[in-house]
N, C-alpha and C. Protein backbone atom coordinates (compact mmCIF):
# COMPACT_ATOMS: atom_id res chain seq x y z
N MET A 1 38.44 66.35 138.10
CA MET A 1 39.26 65.41 137.43
C MET A 1 38.61 64.08 137.28
N THR A 2 38.79 63.45 136.17
CA THR A 2 38.21 62.08 135.89
C THR A 2 38.73 61.11 136.93
N GLN A 3 37.91 60.26 137.45
CA GLN A 3 38.36 59.26 138.37
C GLN A 3 38.28 57.88 137.82
N LEU A 4 39.18 57.01 138.26
CA LEU A 4 39.24 55.63 137.85
C LEU A 4 39.43 54.75 139.03
N LEU A 5 38.55 53.77 139.32
CA LEU A 5 38.52 52.97 140.48
C LEU A 5 39.21 51.63 140.24
N LEU A 6 40.10 51.20 141.09
CA LEU A 6 40.68 49.89 141.03
C LEU A 6 39.95 48.94 141.89
N ALA A 7 39.32 47.92 141.30
CA ALA A 7 38.45 46.95 142.08
C ALA A 7 39.31 45.82 142.63
N SER A 8 40.25 46.30 143.59
CA SER A 8 41.09 45.34 144.22
C SER A 8 41.40 45.75 145.69
N ARG A 9 41.64 44.71 146.53
CA ARG A 9 42.03 44.96 147.89
C ARG A 9 43.48 44.49 148.08
N ASN A 10 44.14 44.08 147.04
CA ASN A 10 45.47 43.59 147.05
C ASN A 10 46.45 44.79 146.95
N PRO A 11 47.15 45.15 148.01
CA PRO A 11 47.99 46.28 148.02
C PRO A 11 49.11 46.31 146.95
N GLY A 12 49.70 45.12 146.73
CA GLY A 12 50.74 44.94 145.75
C GLY A 12 50.19 45.22 144.35
N LYS A 13 49.04 44.64 144.04
CA LYS A 13 48.40 44.85 142.75
C LYS A 13 48.04 46.32 142.52
N CYS A 14 47.47 46.94 143.61
CA CYS A 14 47.08 48.41 143.42
C CYS A 14 48.27 49.26 143.24
N ARG A 15 49.40 48.93 143.84
CA ARG A 15 50.65 49.72 143.69
C ARG A 15 51.08 49.68 142.24
N GLU A 16 51.08 48.43 141.71
CA GLU A 16 51.52 48.31 140.23
C GLU A 16 50.54 49.01 139.30
N MET A 17 49.28 48.79 139.63
CA MET A 17 48.29 49.43 138.67
C MET A 17 48.35 50.92 138.70
N ARG A 18 48.58 51.54 139.86
CA ARG A 18 48.71 52.98 139.92
C ARG A 18 49.81 53.51 139.00
N VAL A 19 50.97 52.83 139.06
CA VAL A 19 52.12 53.20 138.27
C VAL A 19 51.83 53.04 136.75
N LEU A 20 51.22 51.97 136.43
CA LEU A 20 50.93 51.68 135.04
C LEU A 20 49.88 52.61 134.46
N LEU A 21 48.98 53.14 135.30
CA LEU A 21 47.84 53.97 134.78
C LEU A 21 48.21 55.40 134.94
N GLN A 22 49.24 55.78 135.59
CA GLN A 22 49.62 57.15 135.90
C GLN A 22 49.66 58.02 134.66
N PRO A 23 50.18 57.52 133.49
CA PRO A 23 50.23 58.37 132.26
C PRO A 23 48.84 58.82 131.77
N LEU A 24 47.78 58.25 132.25
CA LEU A 24 46.48 58.72 131.83
C LEU A 24 46.14 60.11 132.38
N GLY A 25 46.78 60.51 133.54
CA GLY A 25 46.56 61.76 134.19
C GLY A 25 45.17 61.91 134.80
N VAL A 26 44.69 60.74 135.22
CA VAL A 26 43.35 60.76 135.97
C VAL A 26 43.58 60.46 137.46
N GLU A 27 42.61 60.76 138.24
CA GLU A 27 42.71 60.44 139.71
C GLU A 27 42.42 58.93 139.91
N ILE A 28 43.35 58.19 140.43
CA ILE A 28 43.21 56.73 140.60
C ILE A 28 42.94 56.45 142.07
N ILE A 29 41.77 55.78 142.32
CA ILE A 29 41.45 55.43 143.66
C ILE A 29 41.23 53.89 143.80
N ASP A 30 41.37 53.36 144.94
CA ASP A 30 41.10 51.96 145.12
C ASP A 30 40.04 51.62 146.09
N VAL A 31 39.52 50.42 146.11
CA VAL A 31 38.50 49.97 147.01
C VAL A 31 38.75 50.19 148.41
N ILE A 32 40.10 50.01 148.86
CA ILE A 32 40.49 50.19 150.18
C ILE A 32 40.20 51.63 150.66
N GLU A 33 40.57 52.58 149.82
CA GLU A 33 40.34 53.99 150.12
C GLU A 33 38.81 54.31 150.39
N LEU A 34 37.99 53.61 149.72
CA LEU A 34 36.56 53.89 149.80
C LEU A 34 35.96 53.38 151.12
N GLU A 35 36.77 52.60 151.84
CA GLU A 35 36.34 52.07 153.16
C GLU A 35 34.98 51.38 153.08
N THR A 36 34.84 50.61 152.07
CA THR A 36 33.61 49.83 151.90
C THR A 36 33.83 48.41 152.24
N GLU A 37 32.83 47.74 152.70
CA GLU A 37 32.88 46.30 152.99
C GLU A 37 32.50 45.47 151.77
N MET A 38 32.13 46.12 150.71
CA MET A 38 31.70 45.35 149.50
C MET A 38 32.82 44.46 149.08
N ARG A 39 32.38 43.22 148.71
CA ARG A 39 33.33 42.25 148.17
C ARG A 39 32.63 41.50 147.07
N VAL A 40 33.41 41.07 146.13
CA VAL A 40 32.88 40.36 145.02
C VAL A 40 33.48 38.93 144.96
N ASP A 41 32.68 37.93 145.03
CA ASP A 41 33.16 36.56 144.90
C ASP A 41 33.53 36.24 143.49
N GLU A 42 34.76 35.67 143.39
CA GLU A 42 35.25 35.27 142.01
C GLU A 42 34.67 33.91 141.65
N ILE A 43 33.47 33.99 141.07
CA ILE A 43 32.74 32.72 140.68
C ILE A 43 32.79 32.42 139.25
N GLY A 44 33.55 33.22 138.47
CA GLY A 44 33.61 33.07 137.02
C GLY A 44 34.36 31.83 136.67
N LYS A 45 34.22 31.36 135.48
CA LYS A 45 34.90 30.18 134.98
C LYS A 45 36.21 30.47 134.19
N THR A 46 36.41 31.86 134.00
CA THR A 46 37.52 32.34 133.24
C THR A 46 38.05 33.55 133.91
N TYR A 47 39.31 33.97 133.55
CA TYR A 47 39.86 35.23 134.08
C TYR A 47 38.96 36.36 133.62
N ALA A 48 38.57 36.35 132.37
CA ALA A 48 37.69 37.49 131.82
C ALA A 48 36.40 37.62 132.63
N GLU A 49 35.79 36.49 132.96
CA GLU A 49 34.54 36.50 133.77
C GLU A 49 34.75 37.10 135.09
N ASN A 50 35.81 36.75 135.77
CA ASN A 50 36.16 37.30 137.11
C ASN A 50 36.47 38.78 137.07
N ALA A 51 37.34 39.10 136.09
CA ALA A 51 37.72 40.55 135.96
C ALA A 51 36.50 41.38 135.69
N SER A 52 35.63 40.94 134.79
CA SER A 52 34.44 41.65 134.42
C SER A 52 33.45 41.78 135.59
N LEU A 53 33.29 40.71 136.31
CA LEU A 53 32.42 40.76 137.47
C LEU A 53 32.81 41.75 138.47
N LYS A 54 34.13 41.82 138.87
CA LYS A 54 34.60 42.75 139.77
C LYS A 54 34.44 44.20 139.32
N ALA A 55 34.84 44.47 138.05
CA ALA A 55 34.75 45.78 137.48
C ALA A 55 33.23 46.23 137.42
N ARG A 56 32.40 45.45 136.96
CA ARG A 56 30.95 45.82 136.72
C ARG A 56 30.29 46.08 138.14
N VAL A 57 30.50 45.22 139.11
CA VAL A 57 29.78 45.46 140.40
C VAL A 57 30.16 46.78 141.02
N PHE A 58 31.46 47.09 141.06
CA PHE A 58 31.92 48.35 141.63
C PHE A 58 31.56 49.58 140.79
N ALA A 59 31.61 49.42 139.49
CA ALA A 59 31.26 50.58 138.59
C ALA A 59 29.82 50.93 138.76
N GLU A 60 28.99 49.96 138.81
CA GLU A 60 27.57 50.20 138.87
C GLU A 60 27.19 50.80 140.30
N HIS A 61 27.83 50.26 141.35
CA HIS A 61 27.50 50.72 142.71
C HIS A 61 27.96 52.14 142.95
N PHE A 62 29.27 52.42 142.55
CA PHE A 62 29.87 53.80 142.83
C PHE A 62 29.70 54.77 141.70
N ARG A 63 29.15 54.36 140.55
CA ARG A 63 28.90 55.22 139.42
C ARG A 63 30.25 55.81 138.95
N ILE A 64 31.25 54.95 138.75
CA ILE A 64 32.49 55.49 138.36
C ILE A 64 33.21 54.46 137.47
N TRP A 65 34.03 54.90 136.51
CA TRP A 65 34.75 53.95 135.65
C TRP A 65 35.69 53.10 136.59
N THR A 66 35.64 51.83 136.31
CA THR A 66 36.31 50.85 137.24
C THR A 66 37.14 49.81 136.45
N ILE A 67 38.25 49.54 136.87
CA ILE A 67 39.12 48.42 136.34
C ILE A 67 39.16 47.27 137.33
N GLY A 68 38.84 46.15 136.80
CA GLY A 68 39.01 44.87 137.56
C GLY A 68 40.02 43.98 136.85
N ASP A 69 40.74 43.15 137.53
CA ASP A 69 41.58 42.24 136.82
C ASP A 69 41.55 40.88 137.54
N ASP A 70 41.89 39.90 136.79
CA ASP A 70 42.05 38.53 137.33
C ASP A 70 43.37 37.99 136.80
N THR A 71 44.17 37.40 137.70
CA THR A 71 45.45 36.95 137.26
C THR A 71 45.68 35.59 137.79
N GLY A 72 46.36 34.77 137.03
CA GLY A 72 46.70 33.39 137.47
C GLY A 72 48.12 32.95 137.03
N LEU A 73 48.59 32.03 137.68
CA LEU A 73 49.86 31.36 137.35
C LEU A 73 49.55 30.02 136.78
N GLU A 74 49.94 29.76 135.60
CA GLU A 74 49.61 28.52 134.90
C GLU A 74 50.96 27.67 134.75
N VAL A 75 50.98 26.56 135.36
CA VAL A 75 52.18 25.68 135.29
C VAL A 75 51.88 24.54 134.38
N ASP A 76 52.73 24.38 133.36
CA ASP A 76 52.45 23.37 132.29
C ASP A 76 52.29 21.95 132.84
N VAL A 77 53.24 21.55 133.70
CA VAL A 77 53.21 20.12 134.18
C VAL A 77 52.04 19.90 135.04
N LEU A 78 51.39 20.91 135.61
CA LEU A 78 50.16 20.79 136.39
C LEU A 78 48.89 21.08 135.50
N GLU A 79 49.10 21.01 134.19
CA GLU A 79 48.05 21.15 133.21
C GLU A 79 47.36 22.51 133.40
N GLY A 80 48.13 23.57 133.65
CA GLY A 80 47.64 24.93 133.77
C GLY A 80 47.23 25.38 135.17
N ALA A 81 47.32 24.48 136.15
CA ALA A 81 47.02 24.86 137.51
C ALA A 81 48.22 25.58 138.06
N PRO A 82 48.02 26.45 139.11
CA PRO A 82 46.76 26.65 139.85
C PRO A 82 45.75 27.61 139.00
N GLY A 83 46.21 28.31 138.03
CA GLY A 83 45.34 29.11 137.22
C GLY A 83 44.43 30.03 137.93
N LEU A 84 43.10 29.83 137.69
CA LEU A 84 42.10 30.62 138.36
C LEU A 84 42.16 30.63 139.82
N TYR A 85 42.75 29.58 140.38
CA TYR A 85 42.75 29.37 141.82
C TYR A 85 44.12 29.77 142.47
N SER A 86 44.88 30.44 141.77
CA SER A 86 46.26 30.88 142.24
C SER A 86 46.23 31.54 143.61
N ALA A 87 45.30 32.49 143.76
CA ALA A 87 45.23 33.23 145.00
C ALA A 87 44.67 32.35 146.15
N ARG A 88 44.01 31.27 145.83
CA ARG A 88 43.40 30.46 146.86
C ARG A 88 43.99 29.10 147.01
N LEU A 89 45.21 28.94 146.44
CA LEU A 89 45.83 27.67 146.39
C LEU A 89 46.15 27.07 147.81
N ALA A 90 46.40 27.93 148.76
CA ALA A 90 46.75 27.47 150.13
C ALA A 90 45.52 27.45 150.98
N GLY A 91 44.35 27.66 150.45
CA GLY A 91 43.14 27.73 151.25
C GLY A 91 42.79 29.14 151.82
N PRO A 92 41.68 29.25 152.46
CA PRO A 92 41.23 30.56 153.06
C PRO A 92 42.33 31.06 154.08
N GLY A 93 42.62 32.31 153.91
CA GLY A 93 43.69 32.91 154.83
C GLY A 93 45.04 32.59 154.55
N GLY A 94 45.29 31.77 153.53
CA GLY A 94 46.72 31.45 153.19
C GLY A 94 47.53 32.68 152.77
N SER A 95 48.80 32.71 153.13
CA SER A 95 49.64 33.84 152.84
C SER A 95 50.34 33.59 151.52
N ASP A 96 51.07 34.58 150.99
CA ASP A 96 51.89 34.43 149.78
C ASP A 96 52.89 33.25 150.08
N VAL A 97 53.52 33.24 151.21
CA VAL A 97 54.49 32.20 151.55
C VAL A 97 53.85 30.81 151.50
N ASP A 98 52.60 30.70 152.11
CA ASP A 98 51.87 29.45 152.04
C ASP A 98 51.64 29.00 150.65
N ARG A 99 51.21 29.89 149.80
CA ARG A 99 50.95 29.56 148.41
C ARG A 99 52.15 29.11 147.69
N ARG A 100 53.27 29.73 147.92
CA ARG A 100 54.48 29.25 147.27
C ARG A 100 54.93 27.90 147.73
N LYS A 101 54.79 27.69 149.00
CA LYS A 101 55.17 26.33 149.59
C LYS A 101 54.23 25.27 148.99
N THR A 102 52.94 25.56 148.93
CA THR A 102 51.98 24.58 148.40
C THR A 102 52.32 24.25 146.96
N LEU A 103 52.63 25.24 146.14
CA LEU A 103 52.89 25.06 144.74
C LEU A 103 54.08 24.13 144.64
N LEU A 104 55.17 24.46 145.39
CA LEU A 104 56.39 23.70 145.24
C LEU A 104 56.23 22.29 145.77
N SER A 105 55.37 22.05 146.72
CA SER A 105 55.06 20.68 147.16
C SER A 105 54.39 19.89 146.07
N LEU A 106 53.51 20.60 145.33
CA LEU A 106 52.80 19.92 144.22
C LEU A 106 53.74 19.60 143.04
N LEU A 107 54.78 20.40 142.92
CA LEU A 107 55.72 20.19 141.82
C LEU A 107 56.83 19.23 142.11
N GLY A 108 57.06 18.96 143.45
CA GLY A 108 58.16 18.17 143.90
C GLY A 108 58.45 16.82 143.14
N SER A 109 57.35 16.16 142.74
CA SER A 109 57.48 14.87 142.08
C SER A 109 57.61 14.94 140.64
N HIS A 110 57.62 16.14 140.00
CA HIS A 110 57.75 16.31 138.59
C HIS A 110 59.15 16.78 138.24
N PRO A 111 59.70 16.27 137.11
CA PRO A 111 60.99 16.74 136.67
C PRO A 111 60.98 18.24 136.19
N ARG A 112 62.04 18.90 136.39
CA ARG A 112 62.23 20.26 135.90
C ARG A 112 62.68 20.24 134.44
N PRO A 113 62.51 21.36 133.73
CA PRO A 113 62.07 22.63 134.14
C PRO A 113 60.54 22.63 134.34
N TRP A 114 60.03 23.49 135.24
CA TRP A 114 58.61 23.65 135.49
C TRP A 114 58.18 24.91 134.75
N THR A 115 58.03 24.78 133.38
CA THR A 115 57.67 25.96 132.58
C THR A 115 56.29 26.46 132.99
N ALA A 116 56.13 27.76 132.95
CA ALA A 116 54.84 28.39 133.43
C ALA A 116 54.76 29.74 132.85
N ARG A 117 53.55 30.36 133.05
CA ARG A 117 53.30 31.71 132.65
C ARG A 117 52.33 32.39 133.63
N PHE A 118 52.51 33.69 133.82
CA PHE A 118 51.52 34.50 134.45
C PHE A 118 50.56 34.99 133.36
N ARG A 119 49.22 34.94 133.65
CA ARG A 119 48.28 35.46 132.64
C ARG A 119 47.35 36.42 133.40
N CYS A 120 47.08 37.61 132.79
CA CYS A 120 46.27 38.57 133.34
C CYS A 120 45.25 39.06 132.38
N VAL A 121 44.04 39.18 132.83
CA VAL A 121 42.99 39.90 132.03
C VAL A 121 42.50 41.06 132.90
N VAL A 122 42.44 42.27 132.15
CA VAL A 122 41.91 43.43 132.76
C VAL A 122 40.58 43.79 132.11
N ALA A 123 39.69 44.28 132.96
CA ALA A 123 38.35 44.63 132.44
C ALA A 123 38.00 46.07 132.86
N LEU A 124 37.60 46.85 131.90
CA LEU A 124 37.11 48.22 132.22
C LEU A 124 35.64 48.26 132.11
N ALA A 125 34.96 48.75 133.20
CA ALA A 125 33.49 48.86 133.20
C ALA A 125 33.06 50.27 133.42
N GLY A 126 32.03 50.67 132.71
CA GLY A 126 31.38 52.02 132.98
C GLY A 126 30.15 51.85 133.77
N GLN A 127 29.54 52.97 134.07
CA GLN A 127 28.36 52.97 134.94
C GLN A 127 27.25 52.23 134.36
N GLU A 128 27.22 52.15 133.01
CA GLU A 128 26.09 51.53 132.33
C GLU A 128 26.30 50.01 132.14
N GLY A 129 27.42 49.56 132.57
CA GLY A 129 27.64 48.11 132.52
C GLY A 129 28.42 47.52 131.37
N GLY A 130 28.79 48.38 130.43
CA GLY A 130 29.58 47.86 129.33
C GLY A 130 30.96 47.41 129.76
N ILE A 131 31.60 46.44 129.05
CA ILE A 131 32.86 45.90 129.45
C ILE A 131 33.86 45.95 128.26
N ASP A 132 35.09 46.40 128.47
CA ASP A 132 36.19 46.26 127.57
C ASP A 132 37.26 45.39 128.24
N LEU A 133 37.79 44.51 127.43
CA LEU A 133 38.82 43.54 128.01
C LEU A 133 40.11 43.63 127.27
N ALA A 134 41.22 43.26 127.94
CA ALA A 134 42.54 43.17 127.43
C ALA A 134 43.30 42.06 128.23
N GLU A 135 44.22 41.41 127.52
CA GLU A 135 44.96 40.33 128.14
C GLU A 135 46.41 40.46 127.96
N GLY A 136 47.20 40.01 128.95
CA GLY A 136 48.70 39.97 128.82
C GLY A 136 49.22 38.74 129.52
N GLU A 137 50.40 38.30 129.05
CA GLU A 137 51.00 37.16 129.71
C GLU A 137 52.45 37.29 129.73
N CYS A 138 53.19 36.62 130.66
CA CYS A 138 54.62 36.64 130.81
C CYS A 138 55.09 35.26 130.99
N GLU A 139 55.96 34.74 130.11
CA GLU A 139 56.44 33.41 130.18
C GLU A 139 57.61 33.27 131.14
N GLY A 140 57.82 32.06 131.66
CA GLY A 140 58.97 31.84 132.50
C GLY A 140 58.94 30.42 133.00
N GLU A 141 59.56 30.17 134.20
CA GLU A 141 59.47 28.88 134.85
C GLU A 141 59.53 29.06 136.33
N ILE A 142 59.03 28.01 137.02
CA ILE A 142 59.06 27.99 138.50
C ILE A 142 60.36 27.36 138.90
N ILE A 143 61.03 28.01 139.85
CA ILE A 143 62.23 27.44 140.45
C ILE A 143 62.00 27.09 141.93
N PRO A 144 62.81 26.13 142.44
CA PRO A 144 62.47 25.60 143.78
C PRO A 144 62.93 26.50 145.04
N ASP A 145 63.82 27.46 144.70
CA ASP A 145 64.31 28.27 145.77
C ASP A 145 63.95 29.79 145.51
N GLU A 146 63.46 30.46 146.58
CA GLU A 146 63.06 31.83 146.43
C GLU A 146 64.21 32.70 146.18
N ARG A 147 64.08 33.72 145.35
CA ARG A 147 65.10 34.73 145.10
C ARG A 147 64.46 36.08 144.91
N GLY A 148 65.07 37.04 145.57
CA GLY A 148 64.61 38.47 145.43
C GLY A 148 63.69 38.87 146.51
N ASP A 149 63.63 40.19 146.73
CA ASP A 149 62.83 40.83 147.76
C ASP A 149 61.66 41.65 147.20
N GLY A 150 61.56 41.82 145.89
CA GLY A 150 60.52 42.63 145.31
C GLY A 150 59.26 41.86 145.07
N GLY A 151 58.36 42.61 144.47
CA GLY A 151 57.10 41.95 144.03
C GLY A 151 56.25 41.38 145.12
N PHE A 152 55.37 40.45 144.77
CA PHE A 152 54.48 39.82 145.75
C PHE A 152 53.99 38.48 145.10
N GLY A 153 53.22 37.74 145.88
CA GLY A 153 52.68 36.49 145.31
C GLY A 153 53.72 35.43 144.95
N TYR A 154 53.67 34.97 143.77
CA TYR A 154 54.63 33.93 143.32
C TYR A 154 55.93 34.52 142.73
N ASP A 155 56.09 35.82 142.75
CA ASP A 155 57.20 36.45 142.09
C ASP A 155 58.61 35.89 142.52
N PRO A 156 58.89 35.57 143.79
CA PRO A 156 60.18 35.03 144.18
C PRO A 156 60.58 33.67 143.56
N ILE A 157 59.55 32.92 143.00
CA ILE A 157 59.87 31.65 142.44
C ILE A 157 59.60 31.60 140.97
N PHE A 158 59.31 32.74 140.39
CA PHE A 158 59.06 32.78 138.90
C PHE A 158 60.20 33.41 138.22
N LEU A 159 60.90 32.57 137.48
CA LEU A 159 62.07 33.01 136.72
C LEU A 159 61.56 33.49 135.35
N VAL A 160 61.84 34.83 135.06
CA VAL A 160 61.35 35.39 133.84
C VAL A 160 62.15 34.86 132.62
N LYS A 161 61.41 34.37 131.64
CA LYS A 161 62.09 33.81 130.43
C LYS A 161 62.99 34.85 129.77
N GLY A 162 64.22 34.47 129.53
CA GLY A 162 65.21 35.37 128.88
C GLY A 162 65.91 36.31 129.76
N MET A 163 65.63 36.36 131.09
CA MET A 163 66.24 37.33 132.01
C MET A 163 67.15 36.64 133.07
N GLU A 164 66.92 35.37 133.36
CA GLU A 164 67.64 34.67 134.38
C GLU A 164 67.51 35.35 135.76
N ARG A 165 66.48 36.12 135.95
CA ARG A 165 66.15 36.66 137.26
C ARG A 165 64.65 36.40 137.51
N THR A 166 64.37 36.29 138.79
CA THR A 166 62.97 36.10 139.13
C THR A 166 62.23 37.47 139.08
N MET A 167 60.93 37.37 139.06
CA MET A 167 60.07 38.54 139.01
C MET A 167 60.36 39.40 140.29
N ALA A 168 60.80 38.75 141.40
CA ALA A 168 61.18 39.46 142.60
C ALA A 168 62.54 40.16 142.58
N GLU A 169 63.35 39.78 141.59
CA GLU A 169 64.67 40.26 141.48
C GLU A 169 64.84 41.51 140.57
N ILE A 170 63.81 41.68 139.72
CA ILE A 170 63.87 42.80 138.79
C ILE A 170 63.29 44.03 139.46
N SER A 171 63.65 45.21 138.96
CA SER A 171 63.22 46.47 139.51
C SER A 171 61.75 46.65 139.21
N PRO A 172 61.00 47.45 139.98
CA PRO A 172 59.62 47.78 139.70
C PRO A 172 59.51 48.31 138.33
N GLU A 173 60.49 49.16 137.85
CA GLU A 173 60.41 49.74 136.56
C GLU A 173 60.52 48.68 135.43
N GLU A 174 61.41 47.68 135.60
CA GLU A 174 61.46 46.61 134.62
C GLU A 174 60.22 45.78 134.61
N LYS A 175 59.74 45.47 135.86
CA LYS A 175 58.52 44.68 135.94
C LYS A 175 57.28 45.37 135.24
N ASN A 176 57.27 46.66 135.31
CA ASN A 176 56.13 47.39 134.70
C ASN A 176 56.32 47.59 133.18
N LEU A 177 57.38 46.95 132.68
CA LEU A 177 57.53 46.89 131.17
C LEU A 177 57.18 45.53 130.68
N ILE A 178 57.45 44.51 131.41
CA ILE A 178 57.41 43.20 130.82
C ILE A 178 56.43 42.21 131.54
N SER A 179 55.81 42.65 132.65
CA SER A 179 54.90 41.72 133.40
C SER A 179 53.59 41.52 132.63
N HIS A 180 52.91 40.46 133.00
CA HIS A 180 51.59 40.10 132.47
C HIS A 180 50.60 41.31 132.72
N ARG A 181 50.63 41.85 133.82
CA ARG A 181 49.68 42.98 134.17
C ARG A 181 50.02 44.21 133.37
N ALA A 182 51.36 44.48 133.21
CA ALA A 182 51.73 45.65 132.41
C ALA A 182 51.29 45.48 130.91
N ARG A 183 51.45 44.19 130.40
CA ARG A 183 51.05 43.98 128.99
C ARG A 183 49.56 44.09 128.81
N ALA A 184 48.80 43.61 129.81
CA ALA A 184 47.33 43.75 129.69
C ALA A 184 46.92 45.20 129.77
N VAL A 185 47.51 45.97 130.69
CA VAL A 185 47.13 47.41 130.78
C VAL A 185 47.54 48.16 129.53
N GLN A 186 48.74 47.83 128.97
CA GLN A 186 49.20 48.49 127.78
C GLN A 186 48.25 48.22 126.62
N ALA A 187 47.74 46.97 126.53
CA ALA A 187 46.78 46.64 125.51
C ALA A 187 45.43 47.34 125.64
N LEU A 188 45.09 47.69 126.93
CA LEU A 188 43.84 48.39 127.17
C LEU A 188 43.93 49.88 127.02
N PHE A 189 45.16 50.38 127.00
CA PHE A 189 45.40 51.91 127.09
C PHE A 189 44.72 52.69 125.98
N PRO A 190 44.64 52.20 124.70
CA PRO A 190 43.84 53.08 123.79
C PRO A 190 42.38 53.17 124.11
N THR A 191 41.79 52.07 124.58
CA THR A 191 40.35 52.03 124.98
C THR A 191 40.19 52.91 126.18
N LEU A 192 41.08 52.82 127.16
CA LEU A 192 40.93 53.66 128.40
C LEU A 192 40.96 55.12 127.98
N LYS A 193 41.90 55.53 127.05
CA LYS A 193 41.93 57.02 126.71
C LYS A 193 40.67 57.44 126.02
N MET A 194 40.10 56.56 125.19
CA MET A 194 38.89 56.87 124.55
C MET A 194 37.65 56.96 125.44
N ARG A 195 37.58 55.93 126.35
CA ARG A 195 36.42 55.92 127.26
C ARG A 195 36.49 57.08 128.26
N LEU A 196 37.68 57.33 128.78
CA LEU A 196 37.76 58.35 129.77
C LEU A 196 37.95 59.73 129.19
N GLY A 197 38.11 59.85 127.93
CA GLY A 197 38.17 61.16 127.24
C GLY A 197 39.45 61.91 127.62
N VAL A 198 40.57 61.16 127.69
CA VAL A 198 41.84 61.83 128.09
C VAL A 198 42.87 61.64 126.97
């Protein structure tokens, strides 16, 4: 069976990606399963560069089709920050809770609404190093109080535009229809099917 590697160590992200990619009918594995210590530093200047870097390094090393992604939360009043640095907002070792608290402290002196969007770029790399890209985004706003038990990251404080619920309050099934990651994967699907021959 054709294999597809997820170049991520984030359990929440891998869970979502597995569901989104399931219709391909291929064997999906992730970096954690490979029990490798290999890591890729996100040194790119854009989401596309980071996603491509992760996908390419693992694809070439393991000789397997690989998907990498890079995702950021862009808050308008912070001029698009934290953006590329969303996962590192609270410093090394910071938890999801730490990142949410840090973001809210940065927003405290600004008037609401704190309009924002999640942006995701996914990259598919083959063994020979070629890259295919797709992007998705989800509009909303940041709210000061956490709501919901689902999702991960900034989901409990991200109110989805037009839904009046946070990303952590919607079901996984709903999230996998409207999220930034879902939209990016959906945009990549025709290319995935062609590249993987499924």
